[in-house]
Amino acid sequence: MIYGRRQGRKLSPSRKNFLQDVLPKFQIHVQEGEPFPLEGAGEVWMEIGFGTGDHLLLQATHHPDVLMLGCEPFVNGVGSLLGKMEEAGTQNIRIFMEDAKILLRALPDESLGKIFLLFPDPWPKKGHHKRRFVSQETLALLWKKLKVGRTLLMATDHPGYKDWIQDHLKSFSGFQKIWEGAGPPDLWITTRFQQKAKQEGREAWFVEVRKG
């Protein structure tokens, strides 16, 4: 289930055009319960909640032979990514605008080479914690879809969500922690949202785990 708004500020004319004319070339449509086969796709990675798409585009540009699946329900962010894809000529991204868990369930088991879950909505109010993406159920789903020996990278700038992730990883035995810390991975782009968090005194925290 997707919570919250699907659109923020008014879309610019250019983003409206991208959503109308460019999105159909790259959008994935999957209904709950439908399979999404990946025969012949080769290496496939997924980013859940790509925001404005800076990191997703970075990975797609540096790994042109990888099919990048990007999940993001926020219309403004999708419009932003499409503009950047047009400018860069990027062709190896596919966009899913519904609940990422629907697409995950539709994918074949052990089909993903890497998963990114970067700065998910922290839902800071205690009554909303059940809306957080990280749970025992979703960790099990992510584990199921990852290839053996491949990795899941998570990041947050919310101290409470950091503790939440750590607690859930301790309770889920399927992943082996590789590293964690404030420093990002080698291939990284700092978004304006991350810059804003740092200005407000909230440092990013990263953790990468491997499917054993």
Protein backbone atom coordinates (compact mmCIF):
# COMPACT_ATOMS: atom_id res chain seq x y z
CA MET A 1 0.00 0.00 0.00
CA ILE A 2 1.20 3.52 -0.85
CA TYR A 3 0.68 6.22 1.74
CA GLY A 4 0.82 9.98 1.37
CA ARG A 5 0.62 12.32 -1.62
CA ARG A 6 1.25 11.26 -5.21
CA GLN A 7 1.99 14.80 -6.36
CA GLY A 8 3.54 17.85 -4.66
CA ARG A 9 3.89 21.26 -6.25
CA LYS A 10 2.35 22.01 -9.64
CA LEU A 11 4.10 20.29 -12.51
CA SER A 12 5.99 22.44 -14.98
CA PRO A 13 4.91 22.25 -18.66
CA SER A 14 8.11 20.36 -19.53
CA ARG A 15 7.51 17.71 -16.85
CA LYS A 16 3.93 17.33 -18.00
CA ASN A 17 5.23 16.69 -21.50
CA PHE A 18 7.75 14.14 -20.22
CA LEU A 19 5.02 12.30 -18.32
CA GLN A 20 2.74 12.32 -21.36
CA ASP A 21 5.20 11.62 -24.16
CA VAL A 22 8.24 9.89 -22.62
CA LEU A 23 6.90 7.90 -19.67
CA PRO A 24 4.96 5.35 -21.80
CA LYS A 25 8.28 4.21 -23.33
CA PHE A 26 9.72 3.26 -19.96
CA GLN A 27 6.79 2.57 -17.62
CA ILE A 28 6.09 -0.88 -16.21
CA HIS A 29 2.51 -1.97 -15.54
CA VAL A 30 1.99 -4.91 -13.17
CA GLN A 31 -1.20 -5.89 -11.40
CA GLU A 32 -1.17 -7.57 -7.98
CA GLY A 33 -0.78 -11.30 -8.48
CA GLU A 34 0.59 -11.06 -12.03
CA PRO A 35 4.06 -12.42 -12.82
CA PHE A 36 6.65 -10.14 -14.41
CA PRO A 37 9.05 -12.37 -16.37
CA LEU A 38 12.61 -11.25 -17.00
CA GLU A 39 13.74 -13.75 -19.61
CA GLY A 40 16.60 -12.34 -21.62
CA ALA A 41 16.95 -9.25 -19.44
CA GLY A 42 20.43 -10.15 -18.22
CA GLU A 43 21.59 -8.36 -15.06
CA VAL A 44 18.75 -6.56 -13.27
CA TRP A 45 18.95 -4.12 -10.34
CA MET A 46 16.20 -2.28 -8.48
CA GLU A 47 15.95 1.03 -6.63
CA ILE A 48 12.95 1.47 -4.35
CA GLY A 49 11.81 5.07 -3.91
CA PHE A 50 14.19 6.84 -6.29
CA GLY A 51 13.01 10.37 -5.45
CA THR A 52 14.10 12.67 -8.28
CA GLY A 53 16.17 9.88 -9.82
CA ASP A 54 19.71 11.21 -9.39
CA HIS A 55 21.16 7.98 -7.96
CA LEU A 56 19.16 5.74 -10.28
CA LEU A 57 20.42 7.66 -13.31
CA LEU A 58 23.99 7.54 -11.98
CA GLN A 59 23.86 3.75 -11.67
CA ALA A 60 22.22 3.37 -15.09
CA THR A 61 24.86 5.56 -16.73
CA HIS A 62 27.77 3.70 -15.14
CA HIS A 63 26.23 0.28 -15.80
CA PRO A 64 24.70 0.50 -19.29
CA ASP A 65 24.38 -3.29 -19.56
CA VAL A 66 22.25 -3.48 -16.39
CA LEU A 67 18.46 -3.13 -16.55
CA MET A 68 17.53 -0.71 -13.76
CA LEU A 69 14.04 -1.03 -12.27
CA GLY A 70 13.04 2.16 -10.48
CA CYS A 71 10.02 2.34 -8.15
CA GLU A 72 8.57 5.76 -7.31
CA PRO A 73 4.89 6.76 -6.88
CA PHE A 74 5.65 10.49 -6.62
CA VAL A 75 4.72 12.09 -9.96
CA ASN A 76 7.04 15.08 -9.59
CA GLY A 77 10.05 12.82 -9.03
CA VAL A 78 9.21 10.67 -12.04
CA GLY A 79 8.90 13.78 -14.21
CA SER A 80 12.30 14.96 -12.98
CA LEU A 81 13.94 11.62 -13.79
CA LEU A 82 12.41 11.51 -17.27
CA GLY A 83 13.89 14.91 -18.09
CA LYS A 84 17.33 13.73 -17.00
CA MET A 85 16.95 10.51 -18.98
CA GLU A 86 16.06 12.47 -22.12
CA GLU A 87 19.07 14.73 -21.68
CA ALA A 88 21.45 11.81 -21.06
CA GLY A 89 19.91 9.50 -23.66
CA THR A 90 19.44 6.79 -21.03
CA GLN A 91 17.56 3.70 -22.21
CA ASN A 92 18.19 1.06 -19.51
CA ILE A 93 15.71 2.30 -16.87
CA ARG A 94 12.16 1.04 -16.37
CA ILE A 95 9.76 2.88 -14.05
CA PHE A 96 7.09 1.43 -11.76
CA MET A 97 4.77 3.98 -10.14
CA GLU A 98 2.85 1.80 -7.72
CA ASP A 99 3.76 0.01 -4.48
CA ALA A 100 7.23 -1.51 -4.94
CA LYS A 101 6.10 -4.68 -3.15
CA ILE A 102 3.71 -5.43 -6.02
CA LEU A 103 6.59 -5.48 -8.49
CA LEU A 104 8.83 -7.40 -6.11
CA ARG A 105 6.24 -10.12 -5.68
CA ALA A 106 5.84 -10.30 -9.48
CA LEU A 107 9.55 -10.81 -10.16
CA PRO A 108 11.07 -14.29 -10.36
CA ASP A 109 12.89 -15.41 -7.22
CA GLU A 110 16.65 -14.73 -7.21
CA SER A 111 16.37 -12.41 -10.21
CA LEU A 112 17.90 -9.19 -8.81
CA GLY A 113 21.62 -8.53 -8.72
CA LYS A 114 21.37 -5.52 -6.40
CA ILE A 115 18.68 -3.60 -4.50
CA PHE A 116 18.85 0.00 -3.27
CA LEU A 117 16.56 1.37 -0.56
CA LEU A 118 17.82 4.91 -0.01
CA PHE A 119 16.29 7.37 2.42
CA PRO A 120 12.78 5.87 2.62
CA ASP A 121 10.05 7.94 4.26
CA PRO A 122 10.79 7.64 8.01
CA TRP A 123 7.16 8.04 9.10
CA PRO A 124 8.47 9.52 12.38
CA LYS A 125 5.23 9.40 14.39
CA LYS A 126 5.01 6.21 16.44
CA GLY A 127 1.51 5.51 15.21
CA HIS A 128 2.80 5.52 11.64
CA HIS A 129 5.74 3.16 12.13
CA LYS A 130 3.71 0.34 10.59
CA ARG A 131 3.89 2.28 7.31
CA ARG A 132 7.70 2.08 7.16
CA PHE A 133 8.96 0.05 4.25
CA VAL A 134 11.43 -1.96 6.31
CA SER A 135 9.79 -4.83 8.15
CA GLN A 136 10.41 -8.52 8.67
CA GLU A 137 7.99 -9.20 5.82
CA THR A 138 9.72 -6.89 3.34
CA LEU A 139 13.22 -8.04 4.32
CA ALA A 140 12.11 -11.60 3.61
CA LEU A 141 10.70 -10.48 0.25
CA LEU A 142 13.89 -8.62 -0.69
CA TRP A 143 15.97 -11.65 0.36
CA LYS A 144 13.81 -13.92 -1.78
CA LYS A 145 14.26 -11.81 -4.90
CA LEU A 146 18.03 -11.24 -4.55
CA LYS A 147 20.49 -13.61 -6.13
CA VAL A 148 22.70 -15.54 -3.71
CA GLY A 149 25.79 -13.53 -2.80
CA ARG A 150 24.29 -10.23 -3.98
CA THR A 151 23.61 -7.14 -1.91
CA LEU A 152 21.00 -4.77 -0.52
CA LEU A 153 22.11 -1.19 0.22
CA MET A 154 20.00 0.89 2.62
CA ALA A 155 20.44 4.46 3.83
CA THR A 156 18.63 6.91 6.10
CA ASP A 157 19.25 10.28 7.72
CA HIS A 158 16.64 9.68 10.43
CA PRO A 159 18.16 8.36 13.72
CA GLY A 160 14.97 6.55 14.66
CA TYR A 161 14.79 4.77 11.32
CA LYS A 162 18.47 3.82 11.63
CA ASP A 163 17.68 2.05 14.91
CA TRP A 164 14.60 0.51 13.29
CA ILE A 165 16.64 -0.93 10.42
CA GLN A 166 19.33 -2.23 12.75
CA ASP A 167 16.77 -3.95 14.98
CA HIS A 168 15.05 -5.60 12.02
CA LEU A 169 18.33 -6.79 10.55
CA LYS A 170 19.25 -8.37 13.89
CA SER A 171 15.93 -10.22 13.88
CA PHE A 172 16.28 -11.39 10.30
CA SER A 173 19.00 -13.98 9.84
CA GLY A 174 19.04 -14.13 6.05
CA PHE A 175 21.43 -11.23 5.49
CA GLN A 176 25.09 -10.87 6.39
CA LYS A 177 26.23 -7.32 7.11
CA ILE A 178 29.13 -6.20 4.92
CA TRP A 179 29.65 -2.66 6.17
CA GLU A 180 27.88 0.31 7.71
CA GLY A 181 28.78 3.90 8.41
CA ALA A 182 28.35 7.55 7.53
CA GLY A 183 30.43 7.39 4.35
CA PRO A 184 28.55 6.59 1.13
CA PRO A 185 29.65 3.90 -1.35
CA ASP A 186 32.24 4.76 -3.99
CA LEU A 187 29.67 5.42 -6.72
CA TRP A 188 27.46 8.07 -5.18
CA ILE A 189 25.77 11.41 -5.84
CA THR A 190 24.70 13.69 -2.99
CA THR A 191 21.17 14.92 -3.62
CA ARG A 192 19.78 18.25 -2.52
CA PHE A 193 17.63 16.40 0.03
CA GLN A 194 20.74 14.86 1.57
CA GLN A 195 22.46 18.25 1.58
CA LYS A 196 19.44 19.78 3.31
CA ALA A 197 19.46 17.04 5.97
CA LYS A 198 23.16 17.64 6.62
CA GLN A 199 22.53 21.37 7.03
CA GLU A 200 19.89 20.48 9.61
CA GLY A 201 22.41 18.33 11.49
CA ARG A 202 21.22 14.93 10.26
CA GLU A 203 24.04 12.78 8.90
CA ALA A 204 23.38 10.00 6.44
CA TRP A 205 23.92 6.41 7.57
CA PHE A 206 24.47 3.52 5.17
CA VAL A 207 24.37 -0.23 5.62
CA GLU A 208 25.04 -2.91 2.99
CA VAL A 209 24.06 -6.53 3.53
CA ARG A 210 24.61 -9.68 1.47
CA LYS A 211 22.34 -12.63 0.86
CA GLY A 212 24.17 -15.70 2.11
